[in-house]
PDB file of all heavy atoms in Angstrom:
ATOM      1  N   GLY A   1      -6.665 -33.093   5.388  1.00  0.00           N
ATOM      2  CA  GLY A   1      -7.430 -33.008   6.624  1.00  0.00           C
ATOM      3  C   GLY A   1      -6.947 -31.976   7.608  1.00  0.00           C
ATOM      4  O   GLY A   1      -7.587 -31.768   8.657  1.00  0.00           O
ATOM      5  N   LYS A   2      -5.847 -31.301   7.349  1.00  0.00           N
ATOM      6  CA  LYS A   2      -5.356 -30.271   8.262  1.00  0.00           C
ATOM      7  C   LYS A   2      -6.256 -29.047   8.200  1.00  0.00           C
ATOM      8  O   LYS A   2      -6.837 -28.743   7.155  1.00  0.00           O
ATOM      9  CB  LYS A   2      -3.920 -29.885   7.905  1.00  0.00           C
ATOM     10  CG  LYS A   2      -2.900 -30.978   8.134  1.00  0.00           C
ATOM     11  CD  LYS A   2      -1.479 -30.453   8.002  1.00  0.00           C
ATOM     12  CE  LYS A   2      -1.172 -29.954   6.621  1.00  0.00           C
ATOM     13  NZ  LYS A   2       0.266 -29.594   6.468  1.00  0.00           N
ATOM     14  N   PRO A   3      -6.396 -28.317   9.298  1.00  0.00           N
ATOM     15  CA  PRO A   3      -7.208 -27.102   9.283  1.00  0.00           C
ATOM     16  C   PRO A   3      -6.582 -26.033   8.399  1.00  0.00           C
ATOM     17  O   PRO A   3      -5.378 -26.049   8.123  1.00  0.00           O
ATOM     18  CB  PRO A   3      -7.235 -26.669  10.751  1.00  0.00           C
ATOM     19  CG  PRO A   3      -6.022 -27.286  11.354  1.00  0.00           C
ATOM     20  CD  PRO A   3      -5.817 -28.584  10.633  1.00  0.00           C
ATOM     21  N   ASN A   4      -7.417 -25.114   7.943  1.00  0.00           N
ATOM     22  CA  ASN A   4      -6.933 -24.022   7.109  1.00  0.00           C
ATOM     23  C   ASN A   4      -5.864 -23.207   7.835  1.00  0.00           C
ATOM     24  O   ASN A   4      -5.839 -23.123   9.070  1.00  0.00           O
ATOM     25  CB  ASN A   4      -8.080 -23.087   6.730  1.00  0.00           C
ATOM     26  CG  ASN A   4      -9.090 -23.746   5.810  1.00  0.00           C
ATOM     27  OD1 ASN A   4      -8.880 -24.869   5.341  1.00  0.00           O
ATOM     28  ND2 ASN A   4     -10.179 -23.053   5.556  1.00  0.00           N
ATOM     29  N   TYR A   5      -4.991 -22.588   7.045  1.00  0.00           N
ATOM     30  CA  TYR A   5      -3.973 -21.699   7.577  1.00  0.00           C
ATOM     31  C   TYR A   5      -4.266 -20.296   7.058  1.00  0.00           C
ATOM     32  O   TYR A   5      -4.182 -20.029   5.859  1.00  0.00           O
ATOM     33  CB  TYR A   5      -2.585 -22.167   7.132  1.00  0.00           C
ATOM     34  CG  TYR A   5      -1.457 -21.255   7.535  1.00  0.00           C
ATOM     35  CD1 TYR A   5      -1.198 -20.952   8.868  1.00  0.00           C
ATOM     36  CD2 TYR A   5      -0.619 -20.688   6.577  1.00  0.00           C
ATOM     37  CE1 TYR A   5      -0.159 -20.121   9.238  1.00  0.00           C
ATOM     38  CE2 TYR A   5       0.438 -19.866   6.931  1.00  0.00           C
ATOM     39  CZ  TYR A   5       0.667 -19.577   8.269  1.00  0.00           C
ATOM     40  OH  TYR A   5       1.696 -18.755   8.630  1.00  0.00           O
ATOM     41  N   ASP A   6      -4.666 -19.396   7.957  1.00  0.00           N
ATOM     42  CA  ASP A   6      -5.093 -18.044   7.596  1.00  0.00           C
ATOM     43  C   ASP A   6      -4.087 -17.026   8.114  1.00  0.00           C
ATOM     44  O   ASP A   6      -3.734 -17.039   9.308  1.00  0.00           O
ATOM     45  CB  ASP A   6      -6.472 -17.727   8.182  1.00  0.00           C
ATOM     46  CG  ASP A   6      -7.548 -18.673   7.668  1.00  0.00           C
ATOM     47  OD1 ASP A   6      -7.312 -19.327   6.634  1.00  0.00           O
ATOM     48  OD2 ASP A   6      -8.613 -18.746   8.290  1.00  0.00           O
ATOM     49  N   ILE A   7      -3.625 -16.144   7.236  1.00  0.00           N
ATOM     50  CA  ILE A   7      -2.691 -15.089   7.634  1.00  0.00           C
ATOM     51  C   ILE A   7      -3.166 -13.756   7.073  1.00  0.00           C
ATOM     52  O   ILE A   7      -3.983 -13.712   6.140  1.00  0.00           O
ATOM     53  CB  ILE A   7      -1.259 -15.372   7.138  1.00  0.00           C
ATOM     54  CG1 ILE A   7      -1.228 -15.443   5.608  1.00  0.00           C
ATOM     55  CG2 ILE A   7      -0.727 -16.659   7.749  1.00  0.00           C
ATOM     56  CD1 ILE A   7       0.176 -15.555   5.034  1.00  0.00           C
ATOM     57  N   ASN A   8      -2.652 -12.667   7.636  1.00  0.00           N
ATOM     58  CA  ASN A   8      -3.056 -11.346   7.148  1.00  0.00           C
ATOM     59  C   ASN A   8      -2.002 -10.314   7.517  1.00  0.00           C
ATOM     60  O   ASN A   8      -1.139 -10.544   8.383  1.00  0.00           O
ATOM     61  CB  ASN A   8      -4.414 -10.944   7.721  1.00  0.00           C
ATOM     62  CG  ASN A   8      -4.394 -10.824   9.232  1.00  0.00           C
ATOM     63  OD1 ASN A   8      -3.989  -9.807   9.784  1.00  0.00           O
ATOM     64  ND2 ASN A   8      -4.807 -11.903   9.919  1.00  0.00           N
ATOM     65  N   GLY A   9      -2.108  -9.170   6.870  1.00  0.00           N
ATOM     66  CA  GLY A   9      -1.209  -8.071   7.159  1.00  0.00           C
ATOM     67  C   GLY A   9      -1.676  -6.811   6.452  1.00  0.00           C
ATOM     68  O   GLY A   9      -2.573  -6.851   5.601  1.00  0.00           O
ATOM     69  N   PHE A  10      -1.052  -5.700   6.792  1.00  0.00           N
ATOM     70  CA  PHE A  10      -1.417  -4.441   6.141  1.00  0.00           C
ATOM     71  C   PHE A  10      -0.238  -3.478   6.210  1.00  0.00           C
ATOM     72  O   PHE A  10       0.718  -3.669   6.966  1.00  0.00           O
ATOM     73  CB  PHE A  10      -2.639  -3.806   6.812  1.00  0.00           C
ATOM     74  CG  PHE A  10      -2.363  -3.202   8.158  1.00  0.00           C
ATOM     75  CD1 PHE A  10      -2.066  -1.840   8.294  1.00  0.00           C
ATOM     76  CD2 PHE A  10      -2.384  -3.984   9.310  1.00  0.00           C
ATOM     77  CE1 PHE A  10      -1.797  -1.287   9.531  1.00  0.00           C
ATOM     78  CE2 PHE A  10      -2.121  -3.429  10.552  1.00  0.00           C
ATOM     79  CZ  PHE A  10      -1.816  -2.075  10.669  1.00  0.00           C
ATOM     80  N   TYR A  11      -0.322  -2.446   5.405  1.00  0.00           N
ATOM     81  CA  TYR A  11       0.630  -1.340   5.491  1.00  0.00           C
ATOM     82  C   TYR A  11      -0.119  -0.039   5.234  1.00  0.00           C
ATOM     83  O   TYR A  11      -1.167  -0.015   4.574  1.00  0.00           O
ATOM     84  CB  TYR A  11       1.787  -1.488   4.492  1.00  0.00           C
ATOM     85  CG  TYR A  11       1.380  -1.313   3.045  1.00  0.00           C
ATOM     86  CD1 TYR A  11       1.243  -0.046   2.470  1.00  0.00           C
ATOM     87  CD2 TYR A  11       1.129  -2.419   2.238  1.00  0.00           C
ATOM     88  CE1 TYR A  11       0.864   0.116   1.154  1.00  0.00           C
ATOM     89  CE2 TYR A  11       0.749  -2.267   0.918  1.00  0.00           C
ATOM     90  CZ  TYR A  11       0.618  -0.999   0.375  1.00  0.00           C
ATOM     91  OH  TYR A  11       0.227  -0.842  -0.922  1.00  0.00           O
ATOM     92  N   THR A  12       0.420   1.034   5.760  1.00  0.00           N
ATOM     93  CA  THR A  12      -0.077   2.383   5.509  1.00  0.00           C
ATOM     94  C   THR A  12       1.123   3.305   5.417  1.00  0.00           C
ATOM     95  O   THR A  12       2.039   3.212   6.247  1.00  0.00           O
ATOM     96  CB  THR A  12      -1.005   2.867   6.635  1.00  0.00           C
ATOM     97  OG1 THR A  12      -2.142   1.998   6.715  1.00  0.00           O
ATOM     98  CG2 THR A  12      -1.487   4.296   6.366  1.00  0.00           C
ATOM     99  N   TYR A  13       1.132   4.171   4.423  1.00  0.00           N
ATOM    100  CA  TYR A  13       2.218   5.147   4.379  1.00  0.00           C
ATOM    101  C   TYR A  13       1.753   6.483   3.814  1.00  0.00           C
ATOM    102  O   TYR A  13       0.776   6.556   3.061  1.00  0.00           O
ATOM    103  CB  TYR A  13       3.442   4.621   3.623  1.00  0.00           C
ATOM    104  CG  TYR A  13       3.326   4.416   2.141  1.00  0.00           C
ATOM    105  CD1 TYR A  13       3.420   5.494   1.247  1.00  0.00           C
ATOM    106  CD2 TYR A  13       3.225   3.137   1.601  1.00  0.00           C
ATOM    107  CE1 TYR A  13       3.383   5.309  -0.126  1.00  0.00           C
ATOM    108  CE2 TYR A  13       3.190   2.933   0.235  1.00  0.00           C
ATOM    109  CZ  TYR A  13       3.267   4.017  -0.624  1.00  0.00           C
ATOM    110  OH  TYR A  13       3.229   3.820  -1.979  1.00  0.00           O
ATOM    111  N   GLY A  14       2.452   7.509   4.222  1.00  0.00           N
ATOM    112  CA  GLY A  14       2.186   8.853   3.739  1.00  0.00           C
ATOM    113  C   GLY A  14       3.425   9.429   3.094  1.00  0.00           C
ATOM    114  O   GLY A  14       4.558   9.082   3.458  1.00  0.00           O
ATOM    115  N   THR A  15       3.220  10.316   2.119  1.00  0.00           N
ATOM    116  CA  THR A  15       4.337  10.953   1.439  1.00  0.00           C
ATOM    117  C   THR A  15       4.109  12.456   1.348  1.00  0.00           C
ATOM    118  O   THR A  15       2.969  12.931   1.322  1.00  0.00           O
ATOM    119  CB  THR A  15       4.533  10.410   0.010  1.00  0.00           C
ATOM    120  OG1 THR A  15       3.476  10.886  -0.838  1.00  0.00           O
ATOM    121  CG2 THR A  15       4.544   8.892   0.000  1.00  0.00           C
ATOM    122  N   TRP A  16       5.208  13.186   1.297  1.00  0.00           N
ATOM    123  CA  TRP A  16       5.183  14.644   1.122  1.00  0.00           C
ATOM    124  C   TRP A  16       6.289  15.012   0.143  1.00  0.00           C
ATOM    125  O   TRP A  16       7.466  14.755   0.407  1.00  0.00           O
ATOM    126  CB  TRP A  16       5.389  15.349   2.461  1.00  0.00           C
ATOM    127  CG  TRP A  16       5.552  16.839   2.359  1.00  0.00           C
ATOM    128  CD1 TRP A  16       4.871  17.689   1.538  1.00  0.00           C
ATOM    129  CD2 TRP A  16       6.461  17.658   3.106  1.00  0.00           C
ATOM    130  NE1 TRP A  16       5.291  18.987   1.726  1.00  0.00           N
ATOM    131  CE2 TRP A  16       6.274  18.991   2.685  1.00  0.00           C
ATOM    132  CE3 TRP A  16       7.419  17.368   4.093  1.00  0.00           C
ATOM    133  CZ2 TRP A  16       7.000  20.046   3.210  1.00  0.00           C
ATOM    134  CZ3 TRP A  16       8.157  18.416   4.618  1.00  0.00           C
ATOM    135  CH2 TRP A  16       7.940  19.742   4.185  1.00  0.00           C
ATOM    136  N   VAL A  17       5.914  15.590  -0.980  1.00  0.00           N
ATOM    137  CA  VAL A  17       6.890  16.057  -1.953  1.00  0.00           C
ATOM    138  C   VAL A  17       7.244  17.492  -1.575  1.00  0.00           C
ATOM    139  O   VAL A  17       6.467  18.425  -1.793  1.00  0.00           O
ATOM    140  CB  VAL A  17       6.343  15.981  -3.389  1.00  0.00           C
ATOM    141  CG1 VAL A  17       7.434  16.374  -4.389  1.00  0.00           C
ATOM    142  CG2 VAL A  17       5.828  14.580  -3.702  1.00  0.00           C
ATOM    143  N   VAL A  18       8.395  17.650  -0.988  1.00  0.00           N
ATOM    144  CA  VAL A  18       8.810  18.930  -0.418  1.00  0.00           C
ATOM    145  C   VAL A  18       8.857  20.023  -1.480  1.00  0.00           C
ATOM    146  O   VAL A  18       8.556  21.193  -1.208  1.00  0.00           O
ATOM    147  CB  VAL A  18      10.193  18.787   0.257  1.00  0.00           C
ATOM    148  CG1 VAL A  18      10.617  20.085   0.919  1.00  0.00           C
ATOM    149  CG2 VAL A  18      10.189  17.646   1.251  1.00  0.00           C
ATOM    150  N   THR A  19       9.209  19.628  -2.697  1.00  0.00           N
ATOM    151  CA  THR A  19       9.375  20.612  -3.768  1.00  0.00           C
ATOM    152  C   THR A  19       8.061  20.979  -4.454  1.00  0.00           C
ATOM    153  O   THR A  19       8.056  21.774  -5.399  1.00  0.00           O
ATOM    154  CB  THR A  19      10.373  20.079  -4.798  1.00  0.00           C
ATOM    155  OG1 THR A  19      10.052  18.704  -5.097  1.00  0.00           O
ATOM    156  CG2 THR A  19      11.788  20.140  -4.248  1.00  0.00           C
ATOM    157  N   GLY A  20       6.931  20.408  -4.021  1.00  0.00           N
ATOM    158  CA  GLY A  20       5.618  20.850  -4.471  1.00  0.00           C
ATOM    159  C   GLY A  20       4.956  20.029  -5.547  1.00  0.00           C
ATOM    160  O   GLY A  20       3.760  20.219  -5.813  1.00  0.00           O
ATOM    161  N   GLU A  21       5.671  19.092  -6.181  1.00  0.00           N
ATOM    162  CA  GLU A  21       5.058  18.275  -7.221  1.00  0.00           C
ATOM    163  C   GLU A  21       4.129  17.219  -6.598  1.00  0.00           C
ATOM    164  O   GLU A  21       4.063  17.072  -5.383  1.00  0.00           O
ATOM    165  CB  GLU A  21       6.137  17.581  -8.068  1.00  0.00           C
ATOM    166  CG  GLU A  21       7.048  18.513  -8.834  1.00  0.00           C
ATOM    167  CD  GLU A  21       8.279  18.921  -8.054  1.00  0.00           C
ATOM    168  OE1 GLU A  21       8.283  18.753  -6.812  1.00  0.00           O
ATOM    169  OE2 GLU A  21       9.239  19.411  -8.670  1.00  0.00           O
ATOM    170  N   SER A  22       3.450  16.458  -7.449  1.00  0.00           N
ATOM    171  CA  SER A  22       2.534  15.407  -6.996  1.00  0.00           C
ATOM    172  C   SER A  22       3.000  14.042  -7.500  1.00  0.00           C
ATOM    173  O   SER A  22       3.660  13.943  -8.546  1.00  0.00           O
ATOM    174  CB  SER A  22       1.118  15.659  -7.523  1.00  0.00           C
ATOM    175  OG  SER A  22       0.596  16.865  -7.034  1.00  0.00           O
ATOM    176  N   ARG A  23       2.650  13.016  -6.766  1.00  0.00           N
ATOM    177  CA  ARG A  23       2.803  11.658  -7.296  1.00  0.00           C
ATOM    178  C   ARG A  23       1.904  11.502  -8.521  1.00  0.00           C
ATOM    179  O   ARG A  23       0.820  12.083  -8.602  1.00  0.00           O
ATOM    180  CB  ARG A  23       2.415  10.615  -6.248  1.00  0.00           C
ATOM    181  CG  ARG A  23       3.288  10.598  -5.019  1.00  0.00           C
ATOM    182  CD  ARG A  23       2.783   9.581  -4.006  1.00  0.00           C
ATOM    183  NE  ARG A  23       3.052   8.202  -4.409  1.00  0.00           N
ATOM    184  CZ  ARG A  23       2.460   7.139  -3.878  1.00  0.00           C
ATOM    185  NH1 ARG A  23       1.540   7.291  -2.941  1.00  0.00           N
ATOM    186  NH2 ARG A  23       2.770   5.922  -4.265  1.00  0.00           N
ATOM    187  N   GLN A  24       2.349  10.717  -9.479  1.00  0.00           N
ATOM    188  CA  GLN A  24       1.590  10.503 -10.704  1.00  0.00           C
ATOM    189  C   GLN A  24       0.670   9.290 -10.557  1.00  0.00           C
ATOM    190  O   GLN A  24       0.969   8.355  -9.816  1.00  0.00           O
ATOM    191  CB  GLN A  24       2.546  10.288 -11.879  1.00  0.00           C
ATOM    192  CG  GLN A  24       3.499  11.450 -12.128  1.00  0.00           C
ATOM    193  CD  GLN A  24       2.776  12.693 -12.565  1.00  0.00           C
ATOM    194  OE1 GLN A  24       2.074  12.708 -13.571  1.00  0.00           O
ATOM    195  NE2 GLN A  24       2.934  13.761 -11.788  1.00  0.00           N
ATOM    196  N   TYR A  25      -0.438   9.313 -11.280  1.00  0.00           N
ATOM    197  CA  TYR A  25      -1.394   8.202 -11.267  1.00  0.00           C
ATOM    198  C   TYR A  25      -1.951   8.022 -12.674  1.00  0.00           C
ATOM    199  O   TYR A  25      -2.391   8.996 -13.305  1.00  0.00           O
ATOM    200  CB  TYR A  25      -2.537   8.503 -10.301  1.00  0.00           C
ATOM    201  CG  TYR A  25      -3.657   7.479 -10.305  1.00  0.00           C
ATOM    202  CD1 TYR A  25      -3.610   6.368  -9.475  1.00  0.00           C
ATOM    203  CD2 TYR A  25      -4.762   7.618 -11.150  1.00  0.00           C
ATOM    204  CE1 TYR A  25      -4.622   5.421  -9.476  1.00  0.00           C
ATOM    205  CE2 TYR A  25      -5.786   6.680 -11.160  1.00  0.00           C
ATOM    206  CZ  TYR A  25      -5.719   5.587 -10.319  1.00  0.00           C
ATOM    207  OH  TYR A  25      -6.718   4.649 -10.323  1.00  0.00           O
ATOM    208  N   HIS A  26      -1.880   6.795 -13.180  1.00  0.00           N
ATOM    209  CA  HIS A  26      -2.488   6.490 -14.473  1.00  0.00           C
ATOM    210  C   HIS A  26      -2.657   4.984 -14.603  1.00  0.00           C
ATOM    211  O   HIS A  26      -1.915   4.197 -13.997  1.00  0.00           O
ATOM    212  CB  HIS A  26      -1.638   7.029 -15.638  1.00  0.00           C
ATOM    213  CG  HIS A  26      -0.226   6.536 -15.645  1.00  0.00           C
ATOM    214  ND1 HIS A  26       0.159   5.335 -16.201  1.00  0.00           N
ATOM    215  CD2 HIS A  26       0.909   7.091 -15.150  1.00  0.00           C
ATOM    216  CE1 HIS A  26       1.446   5.171 -16.057  1.00  0.00           C
ATOM    217  NE2 HIS A  26       1.944   6.203 -15.412  1.00  0.00           N
ATOM    218  N   ASP A  27      -3.662   4.585 -15.360  1.00  0.00           N
ATOM    219  CA  ASP A  27      -3.952   3.165 -15.607  1.00  0.00           C
ATOM    220  C   ASP A  27      -4.117   2.368 -14.314  1.00  0.00           C
ATOM    221  O   ASP A  27      -3.729   1.200 -14.224  1.00  0.00           O
ATOM    222  CB  ASP A  27      -2.853   2.531 -16.459  1.00  0.00           C
ATOM    223  CG  ASP A  27      -2.778   3.124 -17.857  1.00  0.00           C
ATOM    224  OD1 ASP A  27      -3.741   3.803 -18.257  1.00  0.00           O
ATOM    225  OD2 ASP A  27      -1.762   2.911 -18.538  1.00  0.00           O
ATOM    226  N   GLY A  28      -4.678   3.010 -13.279  1.00  0.00           N
ATOM    227  CA  GLY A  28      -4.954   2.303 -12.038  1.00  0.00           C
ATOM    228  C   GLY A  28      -3.767   2.068 -11.149  1.00  0.00           C
ATOM    229  O   GLY A  28      -3.823   1.241 -10.240  1.00  0.00           O
TER     230      GLY A  28
END
C-alpha cells in the first residue's frame, strides 16, 4: 500500500583524443 518510489538521473560527457584517433564503436 505504500506509494511508488520514483528516482532518476543522467550523465553527459565529452571526449577529445589529442593524438587524433577515434573512439571505437561496434555491436552497439
